[in-house]
PDB file of N, CA and C in Angstrom:
ATOM      1  N   MET A   1     108.170  97.775  84.599  1.00  0.00           N
ATOM      2  CA  MET A   1     107.344  98.783  85.250  1.00  0.00           C
ATOM      3  C   MET A   1     107.645 100.132  84.613  1.00  0.00           C
ATOM      4  N   GLU A   2     106.141 100.885  84.561  1.00  0.00           N
ATOM      5  CA  GLU A   2     106.433 102.257  83.783  1.00  0.00           C
ATOM      6  C   GLU A   2     107.112 103.278  84.634  1.00  0.00           C
ATOM      7  N   ALA A   3     107.167 104.381  83.844  1.00  0.00           N
ATOM      8  CA  ALA A   3     108.329 105.255  84.543  1.00  0.00           C
ATOM      9  C   ALA A   3     107.273 106.289  86.040  1.00  0.00           C
ATOM     10  N   THR A   4     105.899 106.423  85.502  1.00  0.00           N
ATOM     11  CA  THR A   4     104.899 106.719  86.335  1.00  0.00           C
ATOM     12  C   THR A   4     104.810 106.204  87.463  1.00  0.00           C
ATOM     13  N   GLU A   5     105.199 105.037  87.594  1.00  0.00           N
ATOM     14  CA  GLU A   5     104.977 104.104  88.840  1.00  0.00           C
ATOM     15  C   GLU A   5     106.085 104.018  89.622  1.00  0.00           C
ATOM     16  N   ILE A   6     107.599 104.217  89.019  1.00  0.00           N
ATOM     17  CA  ILE A   6     108.575 104.849  89.463  1.00  0.00           C
ATOM     18  C   ILE A   6     108.482 105.451  90.134  1.00  0.00           C
ATOM     19  N   ASN A   7     108.454 106.867  89.606  1.00  0.00           N
ATOM     20  CA  ASN A   7     108.053 107.990  90.030  1.00  0.00           C
ATOM     21  C   ASN A   7     107.046 108.131  91.518  1.00  0.00           C
ATOM     22  N   HIS A   8     105.684 107.407  91.452  1.00  0.00           N
ATOM     23  CA  HIS A   8     104.857 107.680  92.252  1.00  0.00           C
ATOM     24  C   HIS A   8     105.775 106.705  93.707  1.00  0.00           C
ATOM     25  N   LYS A   9     106.315 105.602  93.632  1.00  0.00           N
ATOM     26  CA  LYS A   9     107.148 104.689  94.641  1.00  0.00           C
ATOM     27  C   LYS A   9     107.839 105.940  95.236  1.00  0.00           C
ATOM     28  N   ILE A  10     108.740 106.812  94.467  1.00  0.00           N
ATOM     29  CA  ILE A  10     109.702 107.434  94.989  1.00  0.00           C
ATOM     30  C   ILE A  10     109.257 108.418  95.960  1.00  0.00           C
ATOM     31  N   ARG A  11     107.977 109.543  95.191  1.00  0.00           N
ATOM     32  CA  ARG A  11     107.636 110.093  95.954  1.00  0.00           C
ATOM     33  C   ARG A  11     106.624 109.761  97.469  1.00  0.00           C
ATOM     34  N   ILE A  12     106.185 108.826  97.223  1.00  0.00           N
ATOM     35  CA  ILE A  12     105.590 108.353  98.355  1.00  0.00           C
ATOM     36  C   ILE A  12     106.740 107.963  99.054  1.00  0.00           C
ATOM     37  N   GLY A  13     107.568 107.034  99.153  1.00  0.00           N
ATOM     38  CA  GLY A  13     109.178 107.099  99.774  1.00  0.00           C
ATOM     39  C   GLY A  13     109.674 108.563 100.626  1.00  0.00           C
ATOM     40  N   LYS A  14     109.468 109.152  99.757  1.00  0.00           N
ATOM     41  CA  LYS A  14     110.280 110.283 100.036  1.00  0.00           C
ATOM     42  C   LYS A  14     109.455 111.150 101.116  1.00  0.00           C
ATOM     43  N   ARG A  15     108.261 110.994 100.865  1.00  0.00           N
ATOM     44  CA  ARG A  15     107.287 111.297 101.778  1.00  0.00           C
ATOM     45  C   ARG A  15     107.284 111.082 103.114  1.00  0.00           C
ATOM     46  N   ILE A  16     107.257 109.410 103.242  1.00  0.00           N
ATOM     47  CA  ILE A  16     107.205 108.968 104.375  1.00  0.00           C
ATOM     48  C   ILE A  16     108.418 108.887 105.101  1.00  0.00           C
ATOM     49  N   ALA A  17     109.499 109.162 104.616  1.00  0.00           N
ATOM     50  CA  ALA A  17     110.749 109.545 105.079  1.00  0.00           C
ATOM     51  C   ALA A  17     110.786 111.008 105.710  1.00  0.00           C
ATOM     52  N   GLU A  18     110.162 112.216 105.034  1.00  0.00           N
ATOM     53  CA  GLU A  18     110.217 113.441 105.622  1.00  0.00           C
ATOM     54  C   GLU A  18     109.290 113.404 106.716  1.00  0.00           C
ATOM     55  N   LEU A  19     108.380 112.667 106.664  1.00  0.00           N
ATOM     56  CA  LEU A  19     106.946 112.494 108.105  1.00  0.00           C
ATOM     57  C   LEU A  19     108.129 111.601 109.347  1.00  0.00           C
ATOM     58  N   ARG A  20     108.529 110.997 109.269  1.00  0.00           N
ATOM     59  CA  ARG A  20     109.351 110.261 109.822  1.00  0.00           C
ATOM     60  C   ARG A  20     110.182 111.170 110.602  1.00  0.00           C
ATOM     61  N   LYS A  21     110.994 111.783 109.478  1.00  0.00           N
ATOM     62  CA  LYS A  21     111.812 112.459 110.461  1.00  0.00           C
ATOM     63  C   LYS A  21     111.620 113.527 110.935  1.00  0.00           C
ATOM     64  N   GLU A  22     110.242 114.119 110.296  1.00  0.00           N
ATOM     65  CA  GLU A  22     109.509 115.406 111.455  1.00  0.00           C
ATOM     66  C   GLU A  22     109.558 114.943 112.421  1.00  0.00           C
ATOM     67  N   ARG A  23     109.044 113.635 112.971  1.00  0.00           N
ATOM     68  CA  ARG A  23     108.689 113.038 114.144  1.00  0.00           C
ATOM     69  C   ARG A  23     109.537 112.596 114.883  1.00  0.00           C
ATOM     70  N   GLY A  24     110.933 112.797 114.398  1.00  0.00           N
ATOM     71  CA  GLY A  24     111.916 111.962 115.406  1.00  0.00           C
ATOM     72  C   GLY A  24     112.231 110.804 115.606  1.00  0.00           C
ATOM     73  N   LEU A  25     111.908 110.199 114.398  1.00  0.00           N
ATOM     74  CA  LEU A  25     111.561 108.444 114.459  1.00  0.00           C
ATOM     75  C   LEU A  25     112.502 107.930 113.895  1.00  0.00           C
ATOM     76  N   SER A  26     113.074 107.018 114.079  1.00  0.00           N
ATOM     77  CA  SER A  26     114.120 106.019 112.830  1.00  0.00           C
ATOM     78  C   SER A  26     113.458 105.014 112.301  1.00  0.00           C
ATOM     79  N   GLN A  27     114.178 104.833 111.317  1.00  0.00           N
ATOM     80  CA  GLN A  27     113.561 103.581 110.743  1.00  0.00           C
ATOM     81  C   GLN A  27     112.886 102.649 111.465  1.00  0.00           C
ATOM     82  N   PHE A  28     113.919 102.289 112.184  1.00  0.00           N
ATOM     83  CA  PHE A  28     113.734 101.142 113.689  1.00  0.00           C
ATOM     84  C   PHE A  28     112.742 101.281 114.107  1.00  0.00           C
ATOM     85  N   GLN A  29     112.484 102.461 115.133  1.00  0.00           N
ATOM     86  CA  GLN A  29     111.236 103.079 115.492  1.00  0.00           C
ATOM     87  C   GLN A  29     109.463 102.679 114.966  1.00  0.00           C
ATOM     88  N   LEU A  30     109.910 103.248 113.477  1.00  0.00           N
ATOM     89  CA  LEU A  30     108.773 103.335 112.988  1.00  0.00           C
ATOM     90  C   LEU A  30     108.132 101.481 112.559  1.00  0.00           C
ATOM     91  N   ALA A  31     109.365 100.983 111.972  1.00  0.00           N
ATOM     92  CA  ALA A  31     108.930  99.841 112.132  1.00  0.00           C
ATOM     93  C   ALA A  31     108.594  98.957 113.354  1.00  0.00           C
ATOM     94  N   GLN A  32     109.094  99.392 114.658  1.00  0.00           N
ATOM     95  CA  GLN A  32     108.422  98.725 115.529  1.00  0.00           C
ATOM     96  C   GLN A  32     106.754  99.127 115.814  1.00  0.00           C
ATOM     97  N   LEU A  33     106.225 100.314 115.676  1.00  0.00           N
ATOM     98  CA  LEU A  33     105.117 101.172 115.684  1.00  0.00           C
ATOM     99  C   LEU A  33     104.069 100.110 114.769  1.00  0.00           C
ATOM    100  N   THR A  34     104.640  99.839 113.080  1.00  0.00           N
ATOM    101  CA  THR A  34     103.882  99.193 112.520  1.00  0.00           C
ATOM    102  C   THR A  34     103.754  98.093 112.620  1.00  0.00           C
ATOM    103  N   GLY A  35     104.862  97.290 112.987  1.00  0.00           N
ATOM    104  CA  GLY A  35     104.902  95.916 112.763  1.00  0.00           C
ATOM    105  C   GLY A  35     105.489  95.227 111.569  1.00  0.00           C
ATOM    106  N   ILE A  36     106.265  96.300 110.682  1.00  0.00           N
ATOM    107  CA  ILE A  36     106.932  96.328 109.393  1.00  0.00           C
ATOM    108  C   ILE A  36     108.162  96.161 109.308  1.00  0.00           C
ATOM    109  N   ASP A  37     109.056  95.259 108.750  1.00  0.00           N
ATOM    110  CA  ASP A  37     110.543  95.036 108.956  1.00  0.00           C
ATOM    111  C   ASP A  37     111.384  96.379 108.669  1.00  0.00           C
ATOM    112  N   SER A  38     112.080  96.531 109.439  1.00  0.00           N
ATOM    113  CA  SER A  38     112.673  97.801 109.365  1.00  0.00           C
ATOM    114  C   SER A  38     113.626  97.991 107.998  1.00  0.00           C
ATOM    115  N   SER A  39     114.094  96.729 107.401  1.00  0.00           N
ATOM    116  CA  SER A  39     114.613  96.496 105.619  1.00  0.00           C
ATOM    117  C   SER A  39     113.428  97.174 105.404  1.00  0.00           C
ATOM    118  N   ASN A  40     112.079  96.476 105.399  1.00  0.00           N
ATOM    119  CA  ASN A  40     111.537  97.440 104.356  1.00  0.00           C
ATOM    120  C   ASN A  40     111.010  98.515 104.288  1.00  0.00           C
ATOM    121  N   ILE A  41     110.789  99.203 105.816  1.00  0.00           N
ATOM    122  CA  ILE A  41     110.813 100.391 105.719  1.00  0.00           C
ATOM    123  C   ILE A  41     112.027 101.330 104.635  1.00  0.00           C
ATOM    124  N   GLY A  42     113.201 100.539 104.971  1.00  0.00           N
ATOM    125  CA  GLY A  42     113.936 101.920 104.448  1.00  0.00           C
ATOM    126  C   GLY A  42     113.448 101.229 102.688  1.00  0.00           C
ATOM    127  N   LYS A  43     113.335  99.970 102.456  1.00  0.00           N
ATOM    128  CA  LYS A  43     112.844 100.132 100.791  1.00  0.00           C
ATOM    129  C   LYS A  43     111.812 100.898 100.137  1.00  0.00           C
ATOM    130  N   ILE A  44     110.817 100.582 101.294  1.00  0.00           N
ATOM    131  CA  ILE A  44     109.797 101.771 100.850  1.00  0.00           C
ATOM    132  C   ILE A  44     110.212 103.334 100.624  1.00  0.00           C
ATOM    133  N   GLU A  45     110.935 103.550 101.798  1.00  0.00           N
ATOM    134  CA  GLU A  45     111.742 104.957 101.716  1.00  0.00           C
ATOM    135  C   GLU A  45     112.674 105.207 100.029  1.00  0.00           C
ATOM    136  N   LEU A  46     113.141 104.726  99.966  1.00  0.00           N
ATOM    137  CA  LEU A  46     113.733 104.473  98.963  1.00  0.00           C
ATOM    138  C   LEU A  46     113.092 104.334  97.295  1.00  0.00           C
ATOM    139  N   GLY A  47     111.865 104.044  97.447  1.00  0.00           N
ATOM    140  CA  GLY A  47     110.936 103.651  96.248  1.00  0.00           C
ATOM    141  C   GLY A  47     111.139 101.970  95.706  1.00  0.00           C
ATOM    142  N   LYS A  48     111.998 101.214  96.342  1.00  0.00           N
ATOM    143  CA  LYS A  48     112.386 100.259  95.750  1.00  0.00           C
ATOM    144  C   LYS A  48     111.379  99.225  96.182  1.00  0.00           C
ATOM    145  N   TYR A  49     110.003  99.639  97.277  1.00  0.00           N
ATOM    146  CA  TYR A  49     109.519  98.501  97.387  1.00  0.00           C
ATOM    147  C   TYR A  49     107.921  99.252  97.249  1.00  0.00           C
ATOM    148  N   ASN A  50     107.059  98.356  96.830  1.00  0.00           N
ATOM    149  CA  ASN A  50     105.811  98.790  96.143  1.00  0.00           C
ATOM    150  C   ASN A  50     104.542  98.412  97.459  1.00  0.00           C
ATOM    151  N   PRO A  51     104.570  99.220  98.441  1.00  0.00           N
ATOM    152  CA  PRO A  51     103.929  98.809 100.132  1.00  0.00           C
ATOM    153  C   PRO A  51     102.325  98.738  99.177  1.00  0.00           C
ATOM    154  N   SER A  52     101.757  97.595 100.263  1.00  0.00           N
ATOM    155  CA  SER A  52     100.351  97.355  99.727  1.00  0.00           C
ATOM    156  C   SER A  52      99.396  98.776 100.397  1.00  0.00           C
ATOM    157  N   LEU A  53      98.131  98.776 100.246  1.00  0.00           N
ATOM    158  CA  LEU A  53      97.319  99.786 101.185  1.00  0.00           C
ATOM    159  C   LEU A  53      97.480  99.095 102.543  1.00  0.00           C
ATOM    160  N   GLU A  54      97.410  98.192 103.198  1.00  0.00           N
ATOM    161  CA  GLU A  54      97.453  97.889 104.571  1.00  0.00           C
ATOM    162  C   GLU A  54      98.664  98.300 105.055  1.00  0.00           C
ATOM    163  N   ILE A  55      99.986  97.977 104.540  1.00  0.00           N
ATOM    164  CA  ILE A  55     101.389  98.648 104.766  1.00  0.00           C
ATOM    165  C   ILE A  55     100.990 100.178 105.032  1.00  0.00           C
ATOM    166  N   LEU A  56     100.512 100.943 104.098  1.00  0.00           N
ATOM    167  CA  LEU A  56     100.274 102.511 103.705  1.00  0.00           C
ATOM    168  C   LEU A  56      99.486 103.148 105.125  1.00  0.00           C
ATOM    169  N   SER A  57      98.514 102.288 105.543  1.00  0.00           N
ATOM    170  CA  SER A  57      97.506 102.392 106.358  1.00  0.00           C
ATOM    171  C   SER A  57      98.382 102.359 107.635  1.00  0.00           C
ATOM    172  N   ARG A  58      99.319 101.369 108.066  1.00  0.00           N
ATOM    173  CA  ARG A  58      99.578 101.062 109.252  1.00  0.00           C
ATOM    174  C   ARG A  58     100.800 102.179 109.532  1.00  0.00           C
ATOM    175  N   ILE A  59     101.538 102.610 108.246  1.00  0.00           N
ATOM    176  CA  ILE A  59     102.452 103.761 108.297  1.00  0.00           C
ATOM    177  C   ILE A  59     102.099 105.070 108.649  1.00  0.00           C
ATOM    178  N   GLY A  60     100.366 105.786 108.006  1.00  0.00           N
ATOM    179  CA  GLY A  60      99.942 106.472 108.424  1.00  0.00           C
ATOM    180  C   GLY A  60      99.130 106.508 109.332  1.00  0.00           C
ATOM    181  N   ASN A  61      99.002 105.570 110.313  1.00  0.00           N
ATOM    182  CA  ASN A  61      98.252 105.792 111.554  1.00  0.00           C
ATOM    183  C   ASN A  61     100.143 106.015 112.447  1.00  0.00           C
ATOM    184  N   ALA A  62     100.733 105.001 112.316  1.00  0.00           N
ATOM    185  CA  ALA A  62     101.802 105.399 113.159  1.00  0.00           C
ATOM    186  C   ALA A  62     102.577 106.885 112.913  1.00  0.00           C
ATOM    187  N   LEU A  63     102.320 107.453 111.860  1.00  0.00           N
ATOM    188  CA  LEU A  63     102.877 109.061 111.627  1.00  0.00           C
ATOM    189  C   LEU A  63     101.623 110.093 112.117  1.00  0.00           C
ATOM    190  N   GLY A  64     100.490 109.645 112.263  1.00  0.00           N
ATOM    191  CA  GLY A  64      99.274 110.250 112.676  1.00  0.00           C
ATOM    192  C   GLY A  64      98.925 111.425 111.141  1.00  0.00           C
ATOM    193  N   VAL A  65      98.944 110.591 110.300  1.00  0.00           N
ATOM    194  CA  VAL A  65      98.523 111.203 108.980  1.00  0.00           C
ATOM    195  C   VAL A  65      97.568 110.080 108.475  1.00  0.00           C
ATOM    196  N   GLU A  66      96.472 110.758 107.633  1.00  0.00           N
ATOM    197  CA  GLU A  66      95.564 109.785 106.582  1.00  0.00           C
ATOM    198  C   GLU A  66      96.099 109.897 105.278  1.00  0.00           C
ATOM    199  N   ILE A  67      96.042 108.626 105.033  1.00  0.00           N
ATOM    200  CA  ILE A  67      96.377 108.439 103.294  1.00  0.00           C
ATOM    201  C   ILE A  67      95.426 108.946 102.199  1.00  0.00           C
ATOM    202  N   ASP A  68      96.528 110.094 101.479  1.00  0.00           N
ATOM    203  CA  ASP A  68      95.119 110.613 100.399  1.00  0.00           C
ATOM    204  C   ASP A  68      95.368 110.368  98.946  1.00  0.00           C
ATOM    205  N   PHE A  69      94.574 109.413  98.390  1.00  0.00           N
ATOM    206  CA  PHE A  69      95.276 109.070  97.081  1.00  0.00           C
ATOM    207  C   PHE A  69      95.033 110.031  95.842  1.00  0.00           C
ATOM    208  N   ARG A  70      94.794 110.849  96.539  1.00  0.00           N
ATOM    209  CA  ARG A  70      94.352 112.021  95.565  1.00  0.00           C
ATOM    210  C   ARG A  70      95.703 112.743  95.567  1.00  0.00           C
ATOM    211  N   ALA A  71      96.655 112.702  96.448  1.00  0.00           N
ATOM    212  CA  ALA A  71      97.706 113.497  96.576  1.00  0.00           C
ATOM    213  C   ALA A  71      98.949 112.772  94.917  1.00  0.00           C
ATOM    214  N   VAL A  72      98.811 111.244  94.701  1.00  0.00           N
ATOM    215  CA  VAL A  72      99.229 110.948  93.565  1.00  0.00           C
ATOM    216  C   VAL A  72      98.853 110.864  92.520  1.00  0.00           C
ATOM    217  N   GLN A  73      99.231 111.877  91.549  1.00  0.00           N
ATOM    218  CA  GLN A  73      98.565 111.996  89.995  1.00  0.00           C
ATOM    219  C   GLN A  73      99.622 111.925  89.193  1.00  0.00           C
TER     220      GLN A  73
END
């Protein structure tokens, strides 16, 4: 796995964690809203899981944000 891919996963995960915390949600609550296992939410936030577009879309919807692919460069 390339370093840039790892950096993208970490940046995406950190941003998801920031948004979740800003909304006062726990990982468990976000998992319930998205239908994603809470352990996978934790892995995504740590950059240890590469989420599919489907999963990113569910997380974005639950957090009330649009996914912008230009943000990851």
